[in-house]
Amino acid sequence: YNYFKLLETKKDKTIFISLIFFIFIGSLLETIGIAAVYPILSLILSDSSDFTSNFYVQNLNNFFGTNFYEKKNLIFVSIFFFLIFFIFKNLYLFFSKFFSESFLFGLKHNLSSKMMRNILLRSYENFIKNNSSYYTNLTLNVVGELVNNIFVAFIFMVKELIFVLLIIILLSIYNFKITFAS
C-alpha cells in the first residue's frame, strides 16, 4: 500500500518535500560541525613555534587577509566562530524539528478528521453493532500509530541516511584510501 497517498493535498506534498529539504540542510550542518572539530584540535595541539605553517592557519590567513601571529588569538577566534556556528546549527535544528512536529500533528489531525467524517456517514445499525470505544480507538490511536510508524520512521530514516552519506563523503575527502579500505 502506498502510504504517501495519505498526503492528499498538494500543500501537504509540498510541505513534506520541503521537510526533506530542511532535513538535508540540517544533516549538512551536522556534518560541517563534525568536520570543524579536527582543524580546531589540530590548531590547539600543534607546536607554538610552527603553527603558522599549519594548513588550516594558512587557509584562515588567506581567507581573512590577515596574519595570526599569536596562537592564542587564533584559537580564541576559531573557538568563537565554532561556538557561533553551533548556536546557529542548533537553532536551525530546533526550528526544523518544530516544523516537522507541527506538520506531523497537522497530518494526524487531518487523517483523524477524515476518518471521523467517514464514520459519521455510516448507517445507524453500524453504530449499534460496534462499541463506541472502537470508533474512538480508530480515530485516535490507529491514525496516531499510522503516522508514527510510517511518516516519523521515514523521516528518521531519511535523516540518518543523509547524515551517514555526508559523513562518508567527508571521510573520503579527508582520506579516500582509509575510508574505503577499512
N, C-alpha and C. Protein backbone atom coordinates (compact mmCIF):
# COMPACT_ATOMS: atom_id res chain seq x y z
N TYR A 1 0.85 -1.18 0.00
CA TYR A 1 0.00 0.00 0.00
C TYR A 1 0.90 1.24 0.00
N ASN A 2 0.54 2.21 -0.79
CA ASN A 2 1.32 3.45 -0.88
C ASN A 2 0.81 4.43 0.18
N TYR A 3 1.53 4.51 1.28
CA TYR A 3 1.10 5.36 2.39
C TYR A 3 1.23 6.84 2.07
N PHE A 4 2.01 7.17 1.06
CA PHE A 4 2.19 8.57 0.73
C PHE A 4 0.97 9.14 -0.01
N LYS A 5 0.01 8.27 -0.34
CA LYS A 5 -1.26 8.76 -0.87
C LYS A 5 -2.06 9.45 0.23
N LEU A 6 -1.68 9.21 1.47
CA LEU A 6 -2.35 9.88 2.59
C LEU A 6 -2.06 11.37 2.60
N LEU A 7 -1.00 11.77 1.91
CA LEU A 7 -0.73 13.19 1.72
C LEU A 7 -1.60 13.64 0.55
N GLU A 8 -2.83 14.01 0.85
CA GLU A 8 -3.82 14.22 -0.20
C GLU A 8 -3.64 15.53 -0.96
N THR A 9 -3.44 16.60 -0.24
CA THR A 9 -3.40 17.89 -0.90
C THR A 9 -2.01 18.20 -1.43
N LYS A 10 -1.99 19.08 -2.39
CA LYS A 10 -0.70 19.50 -2.95
C LYS A 10 0.11 20.23 -1.89
N LYS A 11 -0.57 20.92 -0.99
CA LYS A 11 0.11 21.64 0.09
C LYS A 11 0.84 20.65 1.01
N ASP A 12 0.19 19.53 1.35
CA ASP A 12 0.83 18.52 2.20
C ASP A 12 2.06 17.92 1.51
N LYS A 13 1.94 17.66 0.23
CA LYS A 13 3.08 17.09 -0.51
C LYS A 13 4.23 18.09 -0.59
N THR A 14 3.89 19.37 -0.80
CA THR A 14 4.92 20.41 -0.86
C THR A 14 5.60 20.57 0.49
N ILE A 15 4.83 20.56 1.55
CA ILE A 15 5.41 20.68 2.89
C ILE A 15 6.29 19.48 3.20
N PHE A 16 5.87 18.29 2.80
CA PHE A 16 6.66 17.09 3.05
C PHE A 16 7.99 17.15 2.29
N ILE A 17 7.96 17.59 1.05
CA ILE A 17 9.19 17.71 0.27
C ILE A 17 10.11 18.78 0.87
N SER A 18 9.52 19.90 1.30
CA SER A 18 10.35 20.93 1.94
C SER A 18 10.91 20.44 3.27
N LEU A 19 10.17 19.59 3.95
CA LEU A 19 10.66 18.99 5.19
C LEU A 19 11.88 18.12 4.92
N ILE A 20 11.85 17.35 3.85
CA ILE A 20 13.01 16.53 3.47
C ILE A 20 14.19 17.45 3.14
N PHE A 21 13.93 18.56 2.47
CA PHE A 21 14.99 19.52 2.15
C PHE A 21 15.58 20.11 3.43
N PHE A 22 14.73 20.48 4.41
CA PHE A 22 15.22 21.01 5.69
C PHE A 22 16.06 19.96 6.42
N ILE A 23 15.66 18.70 6.31
CA ILE A 23 16.42 17.62 6.94
C ILE A 23 17.79 17.51 6.29
N PHE A 24 17.84 17.66 4.96
CA PHE A 24 19.12 17.60 4.26
C PHE A 24 20.04 18.73 4.73
N ILE A 25 19.51 19.94 4.82
CA ILE A 25 20.31 21.08 5.28
C ILE A 25 20.78 20.84 6.72
N GLY A 26 19.90 20.31 7.58
CA GLY A 26 20.29 20.01 8.96
C GLY A 26 21.39 18.97 9.03
N SER A 27 21.31 17.94 8.20
CA SER A 27 22.37 16.93 8.16
C SER A 27 23.67 17.51 7.65
N LEU A 28 23.57 18.41 6.69
CA LEU A 28 24.76 19.08 6.18
C LEU A 28 25.41 19.93 7.27
N LEU A 29 24.60 20.64 8.04
CA LEU A 29 25.14 21.44 9.15
C LEU A 29 25.78 20.54 10.21
N GLU A 30 25.16 19.40 10.48
CA GLU A 30 25.74 18.46 11.45
C GLU A 30 27.10 17.96 10.96
N THR A 31 27.21 17.66 9.68
CA THR A 31 28.46 17.18 9.12
C THR A 31 29.54 18.27 9.16
N ILE A 32 29.15 19.49 8.85
CA ILE A 32 30.11 20.60 8.91
C ILE A 32 30.57 20.79 10.36
N GLY A 33 29.65 20.64 11.31
CA GLY A 33 30.03 20.77 12.72
C GLY A 33 31.04 19.71 13.14
N ILE A 34 30.86 18.50 12.65
CA ILE A 34 31.81 17.44 12.96
C ILE A 34 33.15 17.71 12.27
N ALA A 35 33.08 18.18 11.03
CA ALA A 35 34.31 18.45 10.28
C ALA A 35 35.08 19.61 10.88
N ALA A 36 34.41 20.53 11.56
CA ALA A 36 35.09 21.70 12.11
C ALA A 36 35.90 21.37 13.36
N VAL A 37 35.65 20.24 13.96
CA VAL A 37 36.36 19.87 15.19
C VAL A 37 37.84 19.59 14.89
N TYR A 38 38.13 18.90 13.82
CA TYR A 38 39.51 18.50 13.52
C TYR A 38 40.45 19.69 13.33
N PRO A 39 40.08 20.69 12.53
CA PRO A 39 41.02 21.82 12.39
C PRO A 39 41.30 22.55 13.70
N ILE A 40 40.29 22.68 14.54
CA ILE A 40 40.50 23.37 15.82
C ILE A 40 41.40 22.53 16.72
N LEU A 41 41.16 21.22 16.75
CA LEU A 41 42.03 20.37 17.56
C LEU A 41 43.46 20.36 17.04
N SER A 42 43.63 20.33 15.72
CA SER A 42 44.99 20.35 15.18
C SER A 42 45.68 21.67 15.48
N LEU A 43 44.91 22.75 15.53
CA LEU A 43 45.48 24.05 15.88
C LEU A 43 45.90 24.09 17.35
N ILE A 44 45.05 23.58 18.21
CA ILE A 44 45.35 23.58 19.65
C ILE A 44 46.54 22.68 19.96
N LEU A 45 46.61 21.54 19.29
CA LEU A 45 47.66 20.57 19.60
C LEU A 45 48.96 20.81 18.84
N SER A 46 48.96 21.75 17.90
CA SER A 46 50.19 21.99 17.13
C SER A 46 51.21 22.73 18.00
N ASP A 47 52.44 22.62 17.59
CA ASP A 47 53.53 23.28 18.29
C ASP A 47 53.42 24.79 18.09
N SER A 48 53.67 25.56 19.14
CA SER A 48 53.52 27.01 19.07
C SER A 48 54.52 27.66 18.14
N SER A 49 55.67 27.05 17.95
CA SER A 49 56.70 27.68 17.12
C SER A 49 56.39 27.60 15.63
N ASP A 50 55.73 26.55 15.21
CA ASP A 50 55.48 26.41 13.77
C ASP A 50 53.99 26.36 13.44
N PHE A 51 53.16 26.99 14.25
CA PHE A 51 51.73 26.90 14.00
C PHE A 51 51.31 27.67 12.75
N THR A 52 52.13 28.64 12.31
CA THR A 52 51.77 29.39 11.09
C THR A 52 51.95 28.54 9.84
N SER A 53 52.69 27.44 9.93
CA SER A 53 52.83 26.56 8.78
C SER A 53 51.70 25.53 8.71
N ASN A 54 50.81 25.54 9.70
CA ASN A 54 49.65 24.65 9.71
C ASN A 54 48.76 24.97 8.51
N PHE A 55 48.28 23.94 7.85
CA PHE A 55 47.45 24.09 6.65
C PHE A 55 46.22 24.95 6.92
N TYR A 56 45.55 24.72 8.04
CA TYR A 56 44.33 25.45 8.38
C TYR A 56 44.63 26.91 8.73
N VAL A 57 45.76 27.14 9.38
CA VAL A 57 46.15 28.51 9.71
C VAL A 57 46.43 29.29 8.43
N GLN A 58 47.12 28.67 7.49
CA GLN A 58 47.40 29.34 6.22
C GLN A 58 46.10 29.65 5.47
N ASN A 59 45.16 28.73 5.49
CA ASN A 59 43.87 28.99 4.83
C ASN A 59 43.10 30.11 5.52
N LEU A 60 43.13 30.14 6.84
CA LEU A 60 42.47 31.23 7.57
C LEU A 60 43.13 32.57 7.28
N ASN A 61 44.45 32.60 7.24
CA ASN A 61 45.15 33.83 6.92
C ASN A 61 44.79 34.32 5.51
N ASN A 62 44.72 33.41 4.57
CA ASN A 62 44.34 33.79 3.21
C ASN A 62 42.89 34.25 3.13
N PHE A 63 42.02 33.57 3.87
CA PHE A 63 40.60 33.92 3.84
C PHE A 63 40.33 35.29 4.45
N PHE A 64 40.91 35.54 5.62
CA PHE A 64 40.68 36.81 6.31
C PHE A 64 41.61 37.92 5.83
N GLY A 65 42.65 37.57 5.10
CA GLY A 65 43.60 38.57 4.61
C GLY A 65 44.47 39.15 5.70
N THR A 66 44.64 38.41 6.78
CA THR A 66 45.49 38.87 7.89
C THR A 66 46.47 37.77 8.24
N ASN A 67 47.32 38.08 9.18
CA ASN A 67 48.23 37.08 9.71
C ASN A 67 47.98 36.95 11.20
N PHE A 68 47.68 35.75 11.63
CA PHE A 68 47.54 35.48 13.05
C PHE A 68 48.91 35.09 13.57
N TYR A 69 49.55 36.03 14.26
CA TYR A 69 50.90 35.78 14.73
C TYR A 69 50.91 35.07 16.08
N GLU A 70 49.85 35.25 16.84
CA GLU A 70 49.79 34.60 18.14
C GLU A 70 48.79 33.46 18.09
N LYS A 71 49.24 32.34 18.57
CA LYS A 71 48.41 31.14 18.56
C LYS A 71 47.17 31.33 19.43
N LYS A 72 47.35 32.02 20.55
CA LYS A 72 46.24 32.23 21.48
C LYS A 72 45.10 33.01 20.81
N ASN A 73 45.43 34.04 20.04
CA ASN A 73 44.40 34.82 19.35
C ASN A 73 43.68 33.98 18.30
N LEU A 74 44.43 33.19 17.57
CA LEU A 74 43.83 32.35 16.55
C LEU A 74 42.91 31.30 17.17
N ILE A 75 43.32 30.71 18.27
CA ILE A 75 42.47 29.73 18.95
C ILE A 75 41.21 30.40 19.46
N PHE A 76 41.33 31.60 20.01
CA PHE A 76 40.16 32.32 20.50
C PHE A 76 39.18 32.62 19.36
N VAL A 77 39.69 33.12 18.24
CA VAL A 77 38.83 33.43 17.10
C VAL A 77 38.19 32.16 16.54
N SER A 78 38.96 31.09 16.46
CA SER A 78 38.43 29.82 15.93
C SER A 78 37.33 29.26 16.82
N ILE A 79 37.57 29.26 18.11
CA ILE A 79 36.56 28.74 19.04
C ILE A 79 35.33 29.64 19.06
N PHE A 80 35.51 30.94 18.93
CA PHE A 80 34.38 31.87 18.87
C PHE A 80 33.49 31.56 17.67
N PHE A 81 34.10 31.41 16.49
CA PHE A 81 33.31 31.09 15.29
C PHE A 81 32.70 29.70 15.39
N PHE A 82 33.41 28.80 16.01
CA PHE A 82 32.91 27.44 16.22
C PHE A 82 31.65 27.47 17.09
N LEU A 83 31.69 28.24 18.17
CA LEU A 83 30.52 28.35 19.04
C LEU A 83 29.35 29.06 18.35
N ILE A 84 29.64 30.10 17.59
CA ILE A 84 28.59 30.79 16.84
C ILE A 84 27.93 29.83 15.85
N PHE A 85 28.77 29.04 15.17
CA PHE A 85 28.22 28.06 14.23
C PHE A 85 27.34 27.06 14.94
N PHE A 86 27.77 26.55 16.10
CA PHE A 86 26.98 25.55 16.81
C PHE A 86 25.68 26.14 17.35
N ILE A 87 25.70 27.38 17.76
CA ILE A 87 24.45 28.02 18.19
C ILE A 87 23.50 28.14 17.01
N PHE A 88 24.02 28.60 15.86
CA PHE A 88 23.19 28.70 14.66
C PHE A 88 22.66 27.33 14.24
N LYS A 89 23.53 26.32 14.25
CA LYS A 89 23.12 24.97 13.85
C LYS A 89 22.03 24.42 14.75
N ASN A 90 22.19 24.60 16.06
CA ASN A 90 21.19 24.08 16.98
C ASN A 90 19.88 24.85 16.89
N LEU A 91 19.93 26.15 16.65
CA LEU A 91 18.69 26.89 16.41
C LEU A 91 17.99 26.41 15.15
N TYR A 92 18.77 26.18 14.11
CA TYR A 92 18.19 25.65 12.87
C TYR A 92 17.55 24.29 13.11
N LEU A 93 18.26 23.40 13.82
CA LEU A 93 17.72 22.07 14.09
C LEU A 93 16.48 22.14 14.97
N PHE A 94 16.45 23.08 15.90
CA PHE A 94 15.27 23.26 16.74
C PHE A 94 14.05 23.66 15.90
N PHE A 95 14.23 24.66 15.04
CA PHE A 95 13.11 25.10 14.21
C PHE A 95 12.73 24.05 13.17
N SER A 96 13.70 23.30 12.69
CA SER A 96 13.40 22.22 11.76
C SER A 96 12.58 21.13 12.45
N LYS A 97 12.94 20.80 13.67
CA LYS A 97 12.17 19.80 14.44
C LYS A 97 10.77 20.31 14.75
N PHE A 98 10.66 21.59 15.08
CA PHE A 98 9.35 22.19 15.34
C PHE A 98 8.49 22.13 14.07
N PHE A 99 9.07 22.45 12.92
CA PHE A 99 8.36 22.38 11.65
C PHE A 99 7.91 20.95 11.36
N SER A 100 8.79 19.98 11.61
CA SER A 100 8.48 18.58 11.38
C SER A 100 7.34 18.12 12.28
N GLU A 101 7.42 18.46 13.56
CA GLU A 101 6.38 18.02 14.50
C GLU A 101 5.04 18.69 14.22
N SER A 102 5.06 19.96 13.83
CA SER A 102 3.79 20.62 13.51
C SER A 102 3.18 20.03 12.25
N PHE A 103 4.01 19.66 11.28
CA PHE A 103 3.49 19.00 10.08
C PHE A 103 2.86 17.66 10.43
N LEU A 104 3.54 16.87 11.26
CA LEU A 104 3.02 15.56 11.64
C LEU A 104 1.75 15.68 12.48
N PHE A 105 1.69 16.68 13.35
CA PHE A 105 0.48 16.90 14.13
C PHE A 105 -0.69 17.27 13.21
N GLY A 106 -0.43 18.15 12.23
CA GLY A 106 -1.47 18.51 11.27
C GLY A 106 -1.92 17.33 10.44
N LEU A 107 -0.97 16.46 10.08
CA LEU A 107 -1.32 15.26 9.33
C LEU A 107 -2.20 14.33 10.17
N LYS A 108 -1.85 14.15 11.45
CA LYS A 108 -2.69 13.33 12.33
C LYS A 108 -4.08 13.93 12.45
N HIS A 109 -4.14 15.23 12.59
CA HIS A 109 -5.44 15.91 12.72
C HIS A 109 -6.28 15.72 11.46
N ASN A 110 -5.68 15.92 10.30
CA ASN A 110 -6.43 15.78 9.04
C ASN A 110 -6.91 14.35 8.82
N LEU A 111 -6.04 13.38 9.11
CA LEU A 111 -6.45 11.98 8.93
C LEU A 111 -7.52 11.58 9.93
N SER A 112 -7.43 12.06 11.17
CA SER A 112 -8.46 11.76 12.16
C SER A 112 -9.78 12.39 11.78
N SER A 113 -9.74 13.61 11.27
CA SER A 113 -10.98 14.28 10.84
C SER A 113 -11.61 13.54 9.66
N LYS A 114 -10.80 13.12 8.74
CA LYS A 114 -11.31 12.38 7.58
C LYS A 114 -11.92 11.05 8.04
N MET A 115 -11.23 10.38 8.95
CA MET A 115 -11.74 9.11 9.49
C MET A 115 -13.06 9.33 10.21
N MET A 116 -13.15 10.41 10.98
CA MET A 116 -14.39 10.69 11.72
C MET A 116 -15.53 11.01 10.76
N ARG A 117 -15.26 11.75 9.70
CA ARG A 117 -16.30 12.04 8.70
C ARG A 117 -16.81 10.75 8.07
N ASN A 118 -15.90 9.83 7.76
CA ASN A 118 -16.31 8.55 7.18
C ASN A 118 -17.12 7.72 8.16
N ILE A 119 -16.76 7.78 9.42
CA ILE A 119 -17.51 7.03 10.44
C ILE A 119 -18.91 7.61 10.59
N LEU A 120 -19.02 8.93 10.59
CA LEU A 120 -20.33 9.56 10.78
C LEU A 120 -21.27 9.34 9.61
N LEU A 121 -20.74 9.01 8.45
CA LEU A 121 -21.58 8.75 7.28
C LEU A 121 -22.08 7.30 7.22
N ARG A 122 -21.69 6.49 8.16
CA ARG A 122 -22.15 5.09 8.19
C ARG A 122 -23.59 5.02 8.69
N SER A 123 -24.15 3.87 8.49
CA SER A 123 -25.56 3.68 8.90
C SER A 123 -25.69 3.58 10.42
N TYR A 124 -26.90 3.80 10.88
CA TYR A 124 -27.18 3.77 12.31
C TYR A 124 -26.97 2.37 12.87
N GLU A 125 -27.29 1.35 12.09
CA GLU A 125 -27.11 -0.04 12.54
C GLU A 125 -25.64 -0.35 12.82
N ASN A 126 -24.77 0.27 12.06
CA ASN A 126 -23.34 0.07 12.26
C ASN A 126 -22.90 0.60 13.63
N PHE A 127 -23.50 1.72 14.05
CA PHE A 127 -23.17 2.28 15.37
C PHE A 127 -23.70 1.40 16.49
N ILE A 128 -24.82 0.78 16.26
CA ILE A 128 -25.42 -0.08 17.29
C ILE A 128 -24.59 -1.36 17.45
N LYS A 129 -24.08 -1.90 16.35
CA LYS A 129 -23.32 -3.15 16.39
C LYS A 129 -21.97 -2.98 17.10
N ASN A 130 -21.33 -1.86 16.87
CA ASN A 130 -19.98 -1.67 17.42
C ASN A 130 -20.01 -0.79 18.67
N ASN A 131 -19.06 -1.06 19.52
CA ASN A 131 -18.91 -0.28 20.74
C ASN A 131 -18.32 1.10 20.38
N SER A 132 -18.63 2.12 21.15
CA SER A 132 -18.12 3.46 20.87
C SER A 132 -16.60 3.54 21.02
N SER A 133 -16.04 2.69 21.87
CA SER A 133 -14.58 2.70 22.04
C SER A 133 -13.88 2.23 20.75
N TYR A 134 -14.56 1.43 19.95
CA TYR A 134 -13.99 1.00 18.67
C TYR A 134 -13.74 2.21 17.79
N TYR A 135 -14.69 3.11 17.71
CA TYR A 135 -14.55 4.30 16.87
C TYR A 135 -13.54 5.29 17.45
N THR A 136 -13.53 5.39 18.77
CA THR A 136 -12.53 6.26 19.41
C THR A 136 -11.13 5.74 19.13
N ASN A 137 -10.96 4.43 19.29
CA ASN A 137 -9.66 3.82 19.01
C ASN A 137 -9.27 4.02 17.55
N LEU A 138 -10.23 3.88 16.65
CA LEU A 138 -9.95 4.03 15.22
C LEU A 138 -9.51 5.44 14.87
N THR A 139 -10.22 6.44 15.40
CA THR A 139 -9.90 7.82 15.02
C THR A 139 -8.67 8.36 15.73
N LEU A 140 -8.39 7.91 16.92
CA LEU A 140 -7.26 8.48 17.67
C LEU A 140 -6.02 7.59 17.62
N ASN A 141 -6.13 6.37 18.08
CA ASN A 141 -4.95 5.52 18.23
C ASN A 141 -4.43 4.98 16.91
N VAL A 142 -5.31 4.50 16.06
CA VAL A 142 -4.86 3.89 14.81
C VAL A 142 -4.22 4.93 13.90
N VAL A 143 -4.82 6.11 13.82
CA VAL A 143 -4.25 7.17 12.99
C VAL A 143 -2.90 7.62 13.57
N GLY A 144 -2.82 7.75 14.89
CA GLY A 144 -1.56 8.13 15.53
C GLY A 144 -0.46 7.11 15.28
N GLU A 145 -0.82 5.81 15.38
CA GLU A 145 0.16 4.77 15.11
C GLU A 145 0.58 4.77 13.65
N LEU A 146 -0.35 5.03 12.75
CA LEU A 146 -0.02 5.08 11.33
C LEU A 146 0.98 6.20 11.05
N VAL A 147 0.71 7.37 11.58
CA VAL A 147 1.62 8.49 11.34
C VAL A 147 2.96 8.24 12.01
N ASN A 148 2.95 7.74 13.24
CA ASN A 148 4.21 7.49 13.94
C ASN A 148 5.02 6.37 13.30
N ASN A 149 4.36 5.30 12.89
CA ASN A 149 5.10 4.16 12.36
C ASN A 149 5.50 4.31 10.90
N ILE A 150 4.81 5.15 10.16
CA ILE A 150 5.15 5.31 8.74
C ILE A 150 5.92 6.60 8.51
N PHE A 151 5.32 7.73 8.81
CA PHE A 151 5.92 9.01 8.45
C PHE A 151 7.09 9.39 9.36
N VAL A 152 6.94 9.21 10.65
CA VAL A 152 8.04 9.54 11.57
C VAL A 152 9.23 8.61 11.29
N ALA A 153 8.95 7.33 11.07
CA ALA A 153 10.03 6.39 10.78
C ALA A 153 10.71 6.73 9.45
N PHE A 154 9.93 7.14 8.45
CA PHE A 154 10.50 7.50 7.16
C PHE A 154 11.37 8.75 7.29
N ILE A 155 10.90 9.74 8.02
CA ILE A 155 11.67 10.97 8.20
C ILE A 155 12.96 10.67 8.96
N PHE A 156 12.89 9.85 9.99
CA PHE A 156 14.08 9.48 10.74
C PHE A 156 15.07 8.71 9.86
N MET A 157 14.56 7.79 9.06
CA MET A 157 15.43 7.01 8.18
C MET A 157 16.12 7.90 7.15
N VAL A 158 15.38 8.84 6.57
CA VAL A 158 15.96 9.75 5.58
C VAL A 158 17.03 10.61 6.24
N LYS A 159 16.74 11.11 7.44
CA LYS A 159 17.70 11.96 8.15
C LYS A 159 19.00 11.20 8.43
N GLU A 160 18.89 9.99 8.93
CA GLU A 160 20.06 9.20 9.25
C GLU A 160 20.82 8.77 8.00
N LEU A 161 20.10 8.43 6.94
CA LEU A 161 20.75 8.04 5.69
C LEU A 161 21.53 9.20 5.09
N ILE A 162 20.94 10.37 5.07
CA ILE A 162 21.64 11.55 4.55
C ILE A 162 22.87 11.85 5.39
N PHE A 163 22.72 11.76 6.71
CA PHE A 163 23.84 12.04 7.62
C PHE A 163 24.99 11.06 7.39
N VAL A 164 24.68 9.78 7.27
CA VAL A 164 25.73 8.77 7.06
C VAL A 164 26.41 9.00 5.71
N LEU A 165 25.63 9.29 4.68
CA LEU A 165 26.23 9.55 3.36
C LEU A 165 27.14 10.77 3.39
N LEU A 166 26.73 11.81 4.09
CA LEU A 166 27.57 13.00 4.18
C LEU A 166 28.83 12.74 4.98
N ILE A 167 28.73 11.92 6.02
CA ILE A 167 29.93 11.55 6.79
C ILE A 167 30.89 10.74 5.93
N ILE A 168 30.36 9.81 5.13
CA ILE A 168 31.21 9.03 4.24
C ILE A 168 31.88 9.94 3.22
N ILE A 169 31.14 10.90 2.68
CA ILE A 169 31.73 11.86 1.74
C ILE A 169 32.82 12.68 2.43
N LEU A 170 32.55 13.13 3.65
CA LEU A 170 33.56 13.89 4.40
C LEU A 170 34.81 13.06 4.64
N LEU A 171 34.63 11.82 5.07
CA LEU A 171 35.79 10.96 5.31
C LEU A 171 36.55 10.65 4.03
N SER A 172 35.83 10.48 2.94
CA SER A 172 36.53 10.20 1.68
C SER A 172 37.27 11.43 1.16
N ILE A 173 36.78 12.61 1.45
CA ILE A 173 37.51 13.82 1.09
C ILE A 173 38.77 13.95 1.94
N TYR A 174 38.62 13.63 3.22
CA TYR A 174 39.77 13.74 4.12
C TYR A 174 40.84 12.71 3.78
N ASN A 175 40.44 11.44 3.68
CA ASN A 175 41.40 10.39 3.35
C ASN A 175 40.66 9.27 2.63
N PHE A 176 40.74 9.26 1.33
CA PHE A 176 40.00 8.33 0.49
C PHE A 176 40.40 6.87 0.74
N LYS A 177 41.68 6.62 0.84
CA LYS A 177 42.17 5.25 0.97
C LYS A 177 41.72 4.61 2.28
N ILE A 178 41.84 5.33 3.36
CA ILE A 178 41.48 4.77 4.67
C ILE A 178 39.96 4.58 4.76
N THR A 179 39.20 5.47 4.16
CA THR A 179 37.74 5.37 4.25
C THR A 179 37.23 4.11 3.58
N PHE A 180 37.72 3.78 2.42
CA PHE A 180 37.16 2.66 1.68
C PHE A 180 37.98 1.38 1.82
N ALA A 181 39.15 1.46 2.43
CA ALA A 181 39.94 0.24 2.63
C ALA A 181 39.50 -0.49 3.89
N SER A 182 38.89 0.22 4.82
CA SER A 182 38.51 -0.44 6.07
C SER A 182 37.13 -0.95 6.06
